[in-house]
Amino acid sequence: MSRNLINEQEVALLLNDVLEKYGYDFTDYAPASINRRVNHLYQLDRFVSFAEFRYRIISDPAYAHRFVEEITVNVTEMFRDPSFYQALRMEVLPVLATYPFIRVWHAGCSTGEEVYSFAILLKEAKLLHKAIIYATDLNTSVLEKGRRGMFRLSQMQQYSRNYMEAGGTEDFSSYYTANYEYAKFREELGEKIIFSPHNLVTDSSFNEFQLIICRNVLIYFNKELQDRVLTLFSDSLEQLGYLALGSKETLNFTKVARKFKQLEGREKIWRKIQL
């Protein structure tokens, strides 16, 4: 049976190994959550010692890929927090409608359920034809799932409820076809989404956007890394562009706070008011 726990110094060693050998930088992630996830994998795969675990990560790129997958959090659902999508529908989309072309960045998109949710909002606002959504994540295998646009049929009842609570007026099932155990979403939605690898920790800005959505990613970063990523988002937004974060995330007390004004209401959506 595997030894009980890896200590913080050993986790730090592993993260340094992964950075030096594979280029994935987890060194500024919040220690509590990263330690918990590394230990979960260590016990799950029944290693007998830290040395064996470390050797496997360094010497086996396929296992290193599994390590990266396991410690990046991929919890998501369609129209997650319906009131957030209601706010996008009512307050943000009418402004985006005034642009000749709409560029959206969904950072840390995981398997894509929330990206397709936003594509449906654009479709219903008759804006999809003039929009492009860049959906990025550092985990390439979740991006592949997003590209397929297939989600478990067993989830559709919950997703349909979320959709209705978010102000949806169509029959939700009209957006997908049932395919054995999966729901395959309409091609016209997927054609407007570009799934691409991007590491928020190490990669730079790649376009200028009117809306950036990054929900429930920053909570896993320490303060310094949060500031770095928020500066990247600020630099990637047009003047008067929107930044949308998760329910437990904020711009308050961050380096970029003075550049943004939060929209009225309780949703975590800000508008960039100065360059």
C-alpha atoms as a PDB file:
ATOM      1  CA  MET A   1       0.000   0.000   0.000  1.00  0.00           C
ATOM      2  CA  SER A   2       1.274   3.515  -0.765  1.00  0.00           C
ATOM      3  CA  ARG A   3       2.715   5.720   1.922  1.00  0.00           C
ATOM      4  CA  ASN A   4       0.140   8.054   3.365  1.00  0.00           C
ATOM      5  CA  LEU A   5       1.068  11.573   2.183  1.00  0.00           C
ATOM      6  CA  ILE A   6       3.648  13.549   0.240  1.00  0.00           C
ATOM      7  CA  ASN A   7       4.790  16.642   2.127  1.00  0.00           C
ATOM      8  CA  GLU A   8       4.848  20.197   0.781  1.00  0.00           C
ATOM      9  CA  GLN A   9       8.591  20.164   0.019  1.00  0.00           C
ATOM     10  CA  GLU A  10       8.185  16.998  -2.042  1.00  0.00           C
ATOM     11  CA  VAL A  11       5.236  18.486  -3.940  1.00  0.00           C
ATOM     12  CA  ALA A  12       7.372  21.565  -4.669  1.00  0.00           C
ATOM     13  CA  LEU A  13      10.111  19.280  -6.057  1.00  0.00           C
ATOM     14  CA  LEU A  14       7.611  17.554  -8.349  1.00  0.00           C
ATOM     15  CA  LEU A  15       6.207  20.846  -9.628  1.00  0.00           C
ATOM     16  CA  ASN A  16       9.731  22.029 -10.385  1.00  0.00           C
ATOM     17  CA  ASP A  17      10.442  18.787 -12.274  1.00  0.00           C
ATOM     18  CA  VAL A  18       7.284  19.214 -14.363  1.00  0.00           C
ATOM     19  CA  LEU A  19       8.176  22.833 -15.135  1.00  0.00           C
ATOM     20  CA  GLU A  20      11.785  22.065 -16.140  1.00  0.00           C
ATOM     21  CA  LYS A  21      11.061  18.927 -18.180  1.00  0.00           C
ATOM     22  CA  TYR A  22       7.625  19.604 -19.689  1.00  0.00           C
ATOM     23  CA  GLY A  23       7.084  23.383 -19.430  1.00  0.00           C
ATOM     24  CA  TYR A  24       3.918  23.273 -17.302  1.00  0.00           C
ATOM     25  CA  ASP A  25       4.179  25.814 -14.502  1.00  0.00           C
ATOM     26  CA  PHE A  26       2.131  24.991 -11.388  1.00  0.00           C
ATOM     27  CA  THR A  27       4.592  26.568  -8.953  1.00  0.00           C
ATOM     28  CA  ASP A  28       2.335  29.554  -8.165  1.00  0.00           C
ATOM     29  CA  TYR A  29      -0.863  27.571  -7.689  1.00  0.00           C
ATOM     30  CA  ALA A  30      -2.462  27.808  -4.243  1.00  0.00           C
ATOM     31  CA  PRO A  31      -0.564  25.254  -2.118  1.00  0.00           C
ATOM     32  CA  ALA A  32      -3.558  23.702  -0.318  1.00  0.00           C
ATOM     33  CA  SER A  33      -5.408  22.642  -3.474  1.00  0.00           C
ATOM     34  CA  ILE A  34      -2.332  21.531  -5.434  1.00  0.00           C
ATOM     35  CA  ASN A  35      -1.045  19.449  -2.487  1.00  0.00           C
ATOM     36  CA  ARG A  36      -4.440  17.795  -2.138  1.00  0.00           C
ATOM     37  CA  ARG A  37      -4.626  16.902  -5.841  1.00  0.00           C
ATOM     38  CA  VAL A  38      -1.034  15.609  -6.058  1.00  0.00           C
ATOM     39  CA  ASN A  39      -1.622  13.398  -3.012  1.00  0.00           C
ATOM     40  CA  HIS A  40      -4.892  12.134  -4.463  1.00  0.00           C
ATOM     41  CA  LEU A  41      -3.086  10.947  -7.616  1.00  0.00           C
ATOM     42  CA  TYR A  42      -0.212   9.466  -5.573  1.00  0.00           C
ATOM     43  CA  GLN A  43      -2.645   7.335  -3.585  1.00  0.00           C
ATOM     44  CA  LEU A  44      -4.921   6.562  -6.527  1.00  0.00           C
ATOM     45  CA  ASP A  45      -2.047   5.066  -8.528  1.00  0.00           C
ATOM     46  CA  ARG A  46      -0.672   3.206  -5.480  1.00  0.00           C
ATOM     47  CA  PHE A  47       2.933   4.319  -5.511  1.00  0.00           C
ATOM     48  CA  VAL A  48       5.022   2.813  -2.711  1.00  0.00           C
ATOM     49  CA  SER A  49       7.361   5.783  -2.332  1.00  0.00           C
ATOM     50  CA  PHE A  50       7.794   9.405  -3.296  1.00  0.00           C
ATOM     51  CA  ALA A  51      11.000   8.480  -5.169  1.00  0.00           C
ATOM     52  CA  GLU A  52       9.104   6.030  -7.384  1.00  0.00           C
ATOM     53  CA  PHE A  53       6.369   8.588  -8.081  1.00  0.00           C
ATOM     54  CA  ARG A  54       8.921  11.262  -8.961  1.00  0.00           C
ATOM     55  CA  TYR A  55      10.912   8.910 -11.218  1.00  0.00           C
ATOM     56  CA  ARG A  56       7.751   7.906 -13.104  1.00  0.00           C
ATOM     57  CA  ILE A  57       6.806  11.544 -13.779  1.00  0.00           C
ATOM     58  CA  ILE A  58      10.316  12.460 -14.964  1.00  0.00           C
ATOM     59  CA  SER A  59      10.894   9.378 -17.122  1.00  0.00           C
ATOM     60  CA  ASP A  60       7.439   8.699 -18.590  1.00  0.00           C
ATOM     61  CA  PRO A  61       5.929  11.569 -20.670  1.00  0.00           C
ATOM     62  CA  ALA A  62       2.591   9.725 -20.934  1.00  0.00           C
ATOM     63  CA  TYR A  63       2.361   9.539 -17.153  1.00  0.00           C
ATOM     64  CA  ALA A  64       3.441  13.174 -16.851  1.00  0.00           C
ATOM     65  CA  HIS A  65       0.479  13.990 -19.103  1.00  0.00           C
ATOM     66  CA  ARG A  66      -1.787  12.089 -16.698  1.00  0.00           C
ATOM     67  CA  PHE A  67      -0.275  14.076 -13.810  1.00  0.00           C
ATOM     68  CA  VAL A  68      -1.118  17.370 -15.566  1.00  0.00           C
ATOM     69  CA  GLU A  69      -4.656  16.158 -16.302  1.00  0.00           C
ATOM     70  CA  GLU A  70      -5.278  15.141 -12.720  1.00  0.00           C
ATOM     71  CA  ILE A  71      -4.079  18.338 -11.078  1.00  0.00           C
ATOM     72  CA  THR A  72      -5.893  20.689 -13.441  1.00  0.00           C
ATOM     73  CA  VAL A  73      -9.486  20.957 -12.279  1.00  0.00           C
ATOM     74  CA  ASN A  74     -12.131  20.108 -14.859  1.00  0.00           C
ATOM     75  CA  VAL A  75     -15.478  20.579 -13.165  1.00  0.00           C
ATOM     76  CA  THR A  76     -18.045  22.217 -15.402  1.00  0.00           C
ATOM     77  CA  GLU A  77     -21.614  22.084 -16.697  1.00  0.00           C
ATOM     78  CA  MET A  78     -23.767  23.841 -19.269  1.00  0.00           C
ATOM     79  CA  PHE A  79     -25.268  27.144 -18.122  1.00  0.00           C
ATOM     80  CA  ARG A  80     -23.509  26.732 -14.761  1.00  0.00           C
ATOM     81  CA  ASP A  81     -24.904  29.400 -12.397  1.00  0.00           C
ATOM     82  CA  PRO A  82     -27.881  30.312 -14.619  1.00  0.00           C
ATOM     83  CA  SER A  83     -28.130  33.850 -13.229  1.00  0.00           C
ATOM     84  CA  PHE A  84     -24.653  34.538 -14.636  1.00  0.00           C
ATOM     85  CA  TYR A  85     -25.847  33.637 -18.150  1.00  0.00           C
ATOM     86  CA  GLN A  86     -29.014  35.642 -17.595  1.00  0.00           C
ATOM     87  CA  ALA A  87     -26.799  38.683 -16.852  1.00  0.00           C
ATOM     88  CA  LEU A  88     -24.719  38.083 -19.993  1.00  0.00           C
ATOM     89  CA  ARG A  89     -27.927  37.787 -22.024  1.00  0.00           C
ATOM     90  CA  MET A  90     -29.526  40.941 -20.651  1.00  0.00           C
ATOM     91  CA  GLU A  91     -26.578  43.285 -20.031  1.00  0.00           C
ATOM     92  CA  VAL A  92     -23.584  42.269 -22.127  1.00  0.00           C
ATOM     93  CA  LEU A  93     -24.973  40.910 -25.405  1.00  0.00           C
ATOM     94  CA  PRO A  94     -26.969  44.060 -26.280  1.00  0.00           C
ATOM     95  CA  VAL A  95     -23.690  46.029 -26.114  1.00  0.00           C
ATOM     96  CA  LEU A  96     -21.749  43.402 -28.086  1.00  0.00           C
ATOM     97  CA  ALA A  97     -24.484  43.589 -30.726  1.00  0.00           C
ATOM     98  CA  THR A  98     -23.281  47.093 -31.623  1.00  0.00           C
ATOM     99  CA  TYR A  99     -19.878  45.775 -32.819  1.00  0.00           C
ATOM    100  CA  PRO A 100     -19.314  44.731 -36.442  1.00  0.00           C
ATOM    101  CA  PHE A 101     -17.458  41.629 -35.246  1.00  0.00           C
ATOM    102  CA  ILE A 102     -17.375  40.004 -31.790  1.00  0.00           C
ATOM    103  CA  ARG A 103     -14.269  38.332 -30.374  1.00  0.00           C
ATOM    104  CA  VAL A 104     -14.649  36.323 -27.166  1.00  0.00           C
ATOM    105  CA  TRP A 105     -11.970  34.509 -25.168  1.00  0.00           C
ATOM    106  CA  HIS A 106     -13.119  31.711 -22.861  1.00  0.00           C
ATOM    107  CA  ALA A 107      -9.974  30.965 -20.810  1.00  0.00           C
ATOM    108  CA  GLY A 108      -9.702  27.735 -18.824  1.00  0.00           C
ATOM    109  CA  CYS A 109     -12.603  26.323 -20.827  1.00  0.00           C
ATOM    110  CA  SER A 110     -12.190  22.688 -19.685  1.00  0.00           C
ATOM    111  CA  THR A 111     -14.334  20.279 -21.768  1.00  0.00           C
ATOM    112  CA  GLY A 112     -16.351  23.093 -23.348  1.00  0.00           C
ATOM    113  CA  GLU A 113     -19.821  22.890 -21.824  1.00  0.00           C
ATOM    114  CA  GLU A 114     -19.786  26.569 -20.851  1.00  0.00           C
ATOM    115  CA  VAL A 115     -18.388  27.584 -24.238  1.00  0.00           C
ATOM    116  CA  TYR A 116     -21.291  25.910 -26.031  1.00  0.00           C
ATOM    117  CA  SER A 117     -23.653  27.568 -23.533  1.00  0.00           C
ATOM    118  CA  PHE A 118     -22.365  30.988 -24.563  1.00  0.00           C
ATOM    119  CA  ALA A 119     -22.552  30.051 -28.262  1.00  0.00           C
ATOM    120  CA  ILE A 120     -26.251  29.283 -27.700  1.00  0.00           C
ATOM    121  CA  LEU A 121     -26.721  32.741 -26.128  1.00  0.00           C
ATOM    122  CA  LEU A 122     -25.091  34.307 -29.192  1.00  0.00           C
ATOM    123  CA  LYS A 123     -27.313  32.246 -31.504  1.00  0.00           C
ATOM    124  CA  GLU A 124     -30.482  33.347 -29.696  1.00  0.00           C
ATOM    125  CA  ALA A 125     -29.369  36.990 -29.791  1.00  0.00           C
ATOM    126  CA  LYS A 126     -28.774  36.576 -33.559  1.00  0.00           C
ATOM    127  CA  LEU A 127     -25.090  37.397 -33.091  1.00  0.00           C
ATOM    128  CA  LEU A 128     -23.456  34.033 -33.738  1.00  0.00           C
ATOM    129  CA  HIS A 129     -22.847  34.756 -37.419  1.00  0.00           C
ATOM    130  CA  LYS A 130     -20.523  37.662 -36.572  1.00  0.00           C
ATOM    131  CA  ALA A 131     -18.759  36.147 -33.562  1.00  0.00           C
ATOM    132  CA  ILE A 132     -15.769  33.918 -32.856  1.00  0.00           C
ATOM    133  CA  ILE A 133     -15.043  32.269 -29.504  1.00  0.00           C
ATOM    134  CA  TYR A 134     -11.471  31.292 -28.650  1.00  0.00           C
ATOM    135  CA  ALA A 135     -11.716  28.489 -26.079  1.00  0.00           C
ATOM    136  CA  THR A 136      -8.411  27.743 -24.363  1.00  0.00           C
ATOM    137  CA  ASP A 137      -7.054  25.430 -21.702  1.00  0.00           C
ATOM    138  CA  LEU A 138      -3.592  24.076 -20.890  1.00  0.00           C
ATOM    139  CA  ASN A 139      -4.987  20.518 -20.823  1.00  0.00           C
ATOM    140  CA  THR A 140      -5.055  19.239 -24.423  1.00  0.00           C
ATOM    141  CA  SER A 141      -7.242  16.197 -23.751  1.00  0.00           C
ATOM    142  CA  VAL A 142     -10.134  18.295 -22.395  1.00  0.00           C
ATOM    143  CA  LEU A 143      -9.853  20.523 -25.477  1.00  0.00           C
ATOM    144  CA  GLU A 144     -10.287  17.447 -27.669  1.00  0.00           C
ATOM    145  CA  LYS A 145     -13.531  16.630 -25.845  1.00  0.00           C
ATOM    146  CA  GLY A 146     -14.681  20.204 -26.411  1.00  0.00           C
ATOM    147  CA  ARG A 147     -13.919  19.994 -30.125  1.00  0.00           C
ATOM    148  CA  ARG A 148     -16.173  16.963 -30.445  1.00  0.00           C
ATOM    149  CA  GLY A 149     -19.098  18.887 -28.958  1.00  0.00           C
ATOM    150  CA  MET A 150     -20.482  15.716 -27.398  1.00  0.00           C
ATOM    151  CA  PHE A 151     -21.688  15.638 -23.820  1.00  0.00           C
ATOM    152  CA  ARG A 152     -23.394  12.897 -21.844  1.00  0.00           C
ATOM    153  CA  LEU A 153     -27.081  12.523 -22.622  1.00  0.00           C
ATOM    154  CA  SER A 154     -27.728  11.749 -18.944  1.00  0.00           C
ATOM    155  CA  GLN A 155     -26.775  15.373 -18.133  1.00  0.00           C
ATOM    156  CA  MET A 156     -29.211  16.984 -20.568  1.00  0.00           C
ATOM    157  CA  GLN A 157     -32.157  17.154 -18.171  1.00  0.00           C
ATOM    158  CA  GLN A 158     -30.078  19.204 -15.709  1.00  0.00           C
ATOM    159  CA  TYR A 159     -28.595  21.321 -18.503  1.00  0.00           C
ATOM    160  CA  SER A 160     -32.070  21.991 -19.878  1.00  0.00           C
ATOM    161  CA  ARG A 161     -33.193  23.220 -16.432  1.00  0.00           C
ATOM    162  CA  ASN A 162     -30.132  25.479 -16.222  1.00  0.00           C
ATOM    163  CA  TYR A 163     -30.863  26.803 -19.712  1.00  0.00           C
ATOM    164  CA  MET A 164     -34.460  27.678 -18.826  1.00  0.00           C
ATOM    165  CA  GLU A 165     -33.353  29.408 -15.603  1.00  0.00           C
ATOM    166  CA  ALA A 166     -30.851  31.399 -17.673  1.00  0.00           C
ATOM    167  CA  GLY A 167     -33.719  32.832 -19.712  1.00  0.00           C
ATOM    168  CA  GLY A 168     -33.752  30.289 -22.544  1.00  0.00           C
ATOM    169  CA  THR A 169     -36.939  30.287 -24.586  1.00  0.00           C
ATOM    170  CA  GLU A 170     -36.325  27.535 -27.159  1.00  0.00           C
ATOM    171  CA  ASP A 171     -36.649  23.787 -26.796  1.00  0.00           C
ATOM    172  CA  PHE A 172     -33.152  22.975 -25.478  1.00  0.00           C
ATOM    173  CA  SER A 173     -33.151  19.599 -27.244  1.00  0.00           C
ATOM    174  CA  SER A 174     -33.267  21.422 -30.605  1.00  0.00           C
ATOM    175  CA  TYR A 175     -29.582  22.277 -30.103  1.00  0.00           C
ATOM    176  CA  TYR A 176     -28.364  18.678 -30.154  1.00  0.00           C
ATOM    177  CA  THR A 177     -29.036  15.239 -31.572  1.00  0.00           C
ATOM    178  CA  ALA A 178     -29.017  12.138 -29.373  1.00  0.00           C
ATOM    179  CA  ASN A 179     -26.205   9.769 -30.320  1.00  0.00           C
ATOM    180  CA  TYR A 180     -26.264   6.626 -28.133  1.00  0.00           C
ATOM    181  CA  GLU A 181     -25.148   7.863 -24.702  1.00  0.00           C
ATOM    182  CA  TYR A 182     -24.135  11.300 -25.963  1.00  0.00           C
ATOM    183  CA  ALA A 183     -25.731  14.535 -27.105  1.00  0.00           C
ATOM    184  CA  LYS A 184     -23.977  15.914 -30.183  1.00  0.00           C
ATOM    185  CA  PHE A 185     -24.355  19.704 -30.390  1.00  0.00           C
ATOM    186  CA  ARG A 186     -25.150  21.451 -33.658  1.00  0.00           C
ATOM    187  CA  GLU A 187     -22.312  22.078 -36.099  1.00  0.00           C
ATOM    188  CA  GLU A 188     -23.207  25.765 -36.469  1.00  0.00           C
ATOM    189  CA  LEU A 189     -22.264  26.256 -32.802  1.00  0.00           C
ATOM    190  CA  GLY A 190     -18.968  24.369 -33.028  1.00  0.00           C
ATOM    191  CA  GLU A 191     -17.945  26.162 -36.217  1.00  0.00           C
ATOM    192  CA  LYS A 192     -17.724  29.411 -34.275  1.00  0.00           C
ATOM    193  CA  ILE A 193     -15.471  27.999 -31.526  1.00  0.00           C
ATOM    194  CA  ILE A 194     -11.688  27.634 -31.852  1.00  0.00           C
ATOM    195  CA  PHE A 195     -10.349  25.228 -29.217  1.00  0.00           C
ATOM    196  CA  SER A 196      -6.665  25.868 -28.666  1.00  0.00           C
ATOM    197  CA  PRO A 197      -4.012  25.187 -25.980  1.00  0.00           C
ATOM    198  CA  HIS A 198      -3.009  28.234 -23.943  1.00  0.00           C
ATOM    199  CA  ASN A 199      -1.256  28.330 -20.580  1.00  0.00           C
ATOM    200  CA  LEU A 200      -2.370  31.329 -18.519  1.00  0.00           C
ATOM    201  CA  VAL A 201       0.790  31.077 -16.432  1.00  0.00           C
ATOM    202  CA  THR A 202       3.367  31.224 -19.234  1.00  0.00           C
ATOM    203  CA  ASP A 203       1.666  32.320 -22.481  1.00  0.00           C
ATOM    204  CA  SER A 204       0.983  35.881 -23.606  1.00  0.00           C
ATOM    205  CA  SER A 205      -1.964  37.717 -25.131  1.00  0.00           C
ATOM    206  CA  PHE A 206      -2.912  36.640 -28.656  1.00  0.00           C
ATOM    207  CA  ASN A 207      -5.743  38.999 -29.677  1.00  0.00           C
ATOM    208  CA  GLU A 208      -7.925  41.903 -28.534  1.00  0.00           C
ATOM    209  CA  PHE A 209     -11.324  40.879 -27.196  1.00  0.00           C
ATOM    210  CA  GLN A 210     -14.651  42.486 -26.302  1.00  0.00           C
ATOM    211  CA  LEU A 211     -15.394  39.784 -23.710  1.00  0.00           C
ATOM    212  CA  ILE A 212     -13.169  37.461 -21.673  1.00  0.00           C
ATOM    213  CA  ILE A 213     -14.771  34.704 -19.588  1.00  0.00           C
ATOM    214  CA  CYS A 214     -12.594  32.894 -17.041  1.00  0.00           C
ATOM    215  CA  ARG A 215     -14.652  31.278 -14.316  1.00  0.00           C
ATOM    216  CA  ASN A 216     -13.422  29.287 -11.325  1.00  0.00           C
ATOM    217  CA  VAL A 217      -9.788  29.215 -12.426  1.00  0.00           C
ATOM    218  CA  LEU A 218      -8.246  32.067 -10.415  1.00  0.00           C
ATOM    219  CA  ILE A 219      -9.348  30.513  -7.113  1.00  0.00           C
ATOM    220  CA  TYR A 220      -6.615  27.902  -7.609  1.00  0.00           C
ATOM    221  CA  PHE A 221      -3.841  30.517  -8.017  1.00  0.00           C
ATOM    222  CA  ASN A 222      -1.916  32.409  -5.368  1.00  0.00           C
ATOM    223  CA  LYS A 223      -2.199  36.205  -5.172  1.00  0.00           C
ATOM    224  CA  GLU A 224       0.874  36.922  -7.305  1.00  0.00           C
ATOM    225  CA  LEU A 225      -0.279  34.628 -10.096  1.00  0.00           C
ATOM    226  CA  GLN A 226      -3.822  36.024  -9.943  1.00  0.00           C
ATOM    227  CA  ASP A 227      -2.399  39.519 -10.505  1.00  0.00           C
ATOM    228  CA  ARG A 228      -0.293  38.294 -13.417  1.00  0.00           C
ATOM    229  CA  VAL A 229      -3.232  36.576 -15.118  1.00  0.00           C
ATOM    230  CA  LEU A 230      -5.596  39.510 -14.514  1.00  0.00           C
ATOM    231  CA  THR A 231      -3.003  41.848 -16.068  1.00  0.00           C
ATOM    232  CA  LEU A 232      -2.915  39.523 -19.093  1.00  0.00           C
ATOM    233  CA  PHE A 233      -6.713  39.729 -19.336  1.00  0.00           C
ATOM    234  CA  SER A 234      -6.685  43.511 -18.984  1.00  0.00           C
ATOM    235  CA  ASP A 235      -4.072  43.799 -21.737  1.00  0.00           C
ATOM    236  CA  SER A 236      -6.175  41.500 -23.945  1.00  0.00           C
ATOM    237  CA  LEU A 237      -9.416  43.493 -23.582  1.00  0.00           C
ATOM    238  CA  GLU A 238     -10.555  46.375 -25.741  1.00  0.00           C
ATOM    239  CA  GLN A 239     -11.481  49.608 -24.012  1.00  0.00           C
ATOM    240  CA  LEU A 240     -15.007  49.080 -22.568  1.00  0.00           C
ATOM    241  CA  GLY A 241     -14.633  45.316 -22.964  1.00  0.00           C
ATOM    242  CA  TYR A 242     -16.069  42.923 -20.371  1.00  0.00           C
ATOM    243  CA  LEU A 243     -14.349  40.503 -17.989  1.00  0.00           C
ATOM    244  CA  ALA A 244     -16.453  37.747 -16.382  1.00  0.00           C
ATOM    245  CA  LEU A 245     -15.166  35.673 -13.446  1.00  0.00           C
ATOM    246  CA  GLY A 246     -16.495  32.902 -11.198  1.00  0.00           C
ATOM    247  CA  SER A 247     -18.804  33.456  -8.251  1.00  0.00           C
ATOM    248  CA  LYS A 248     -16.007  33.300  -5.638  1.00  0.00           C
ATOM    249  CA  GLU A 249     -13.549  35.458  -7.625  1.00  0.00           C
ATOM    250  CA  THR A 250     -13.048  39.217  -7.589  1.00  0.00           C
ATOM    251  CA  LEU A 251     -10.990  42.082  -8.979  1.00  0.00           C
ATOM    252  CA  ASN A 252     -11.096  43.882  -5.625  1.00  0.00           C
ATOM    253  CA  PHE A 253      -7.633  44.477  -4.143  1.00  0.00           C
ATOM    254  CA  THR A 254      -5.880  43.353  -7.349  1.00  0.00           C
ATOM    255  CA  LYS A 255      -3.413  45.279  -9.519  1.00  0.00           C
ATOM    256  CA  VAL A 256      -6.003  45.945 -12.228  1.00  0.00           C
ATOM    257  CA  ALA A 257      -8.935  46.895  -9.967  1.00  0.00           C
ATOM    258  CA  ARG A 258      -8.822  50.630 -10.828  1.00  0.00           C
ATOM    259  CA  LYS A 259      -9.176  49.854 -14.556  1.00  0.00           C
ATOM    260  CA  PHE A 260     -12.546  48.136 -14.133  1.00  0.00           C
ATOM    261  CA  LYS A 261     -16.037  48.882 -12.899  1.00  0.00           C
ATOM    262  CA  GLN A 262     -18.298  46.046 -11.774  1.00  0.00           C
ATOM    263  CA  LEU A 263     -21.760  45.853 -13.330  1.00  0.00           C
ATOM    264  CA  GLU A 264     -24.753  46.384 -11.063  1.00  0.00           C
ATOM    265  CA  GLY A 265     -26.085  43.222  -9.422  1.00  0.00           C
ATOM    266  CA  ARG A 266     -24.350  40.284  -7.830  1.00  0.00           C
ATOM    267  CA  GLU A 267     -22.761  38.678 -10.897  1.00  0.00           C
ATOM    268  CA  LYS A 268     -18.960  38.857 -11.230  1.00  0.00           C
ATOM    269  CA  ILE A 269     -18.832  40.849 -14.472  1.00  0.00           C
ATOM    270  CA  TRP A 270     -16.656  43.956 -14.878  1.00  0.00           C
ATOM    271  CA  ARG A 271     -16.233  46.523 -17.654  1.00  0.00           C
ATOM    272  CA  LYS A 272     -12.834  47.927 -18.558  1.00  0.00           C
ATOM    273  CA  ILE A 273     -13.078  51.696 -18.114  1.00  0.00           C
ATOM    274  CA  GLN A 274      -9.443  52.714 -18.655  1.00  0.00           C
ATOM    275  CA  LEU A 275      -6.472  51.429 -20.622  1.00  0.00           C
END
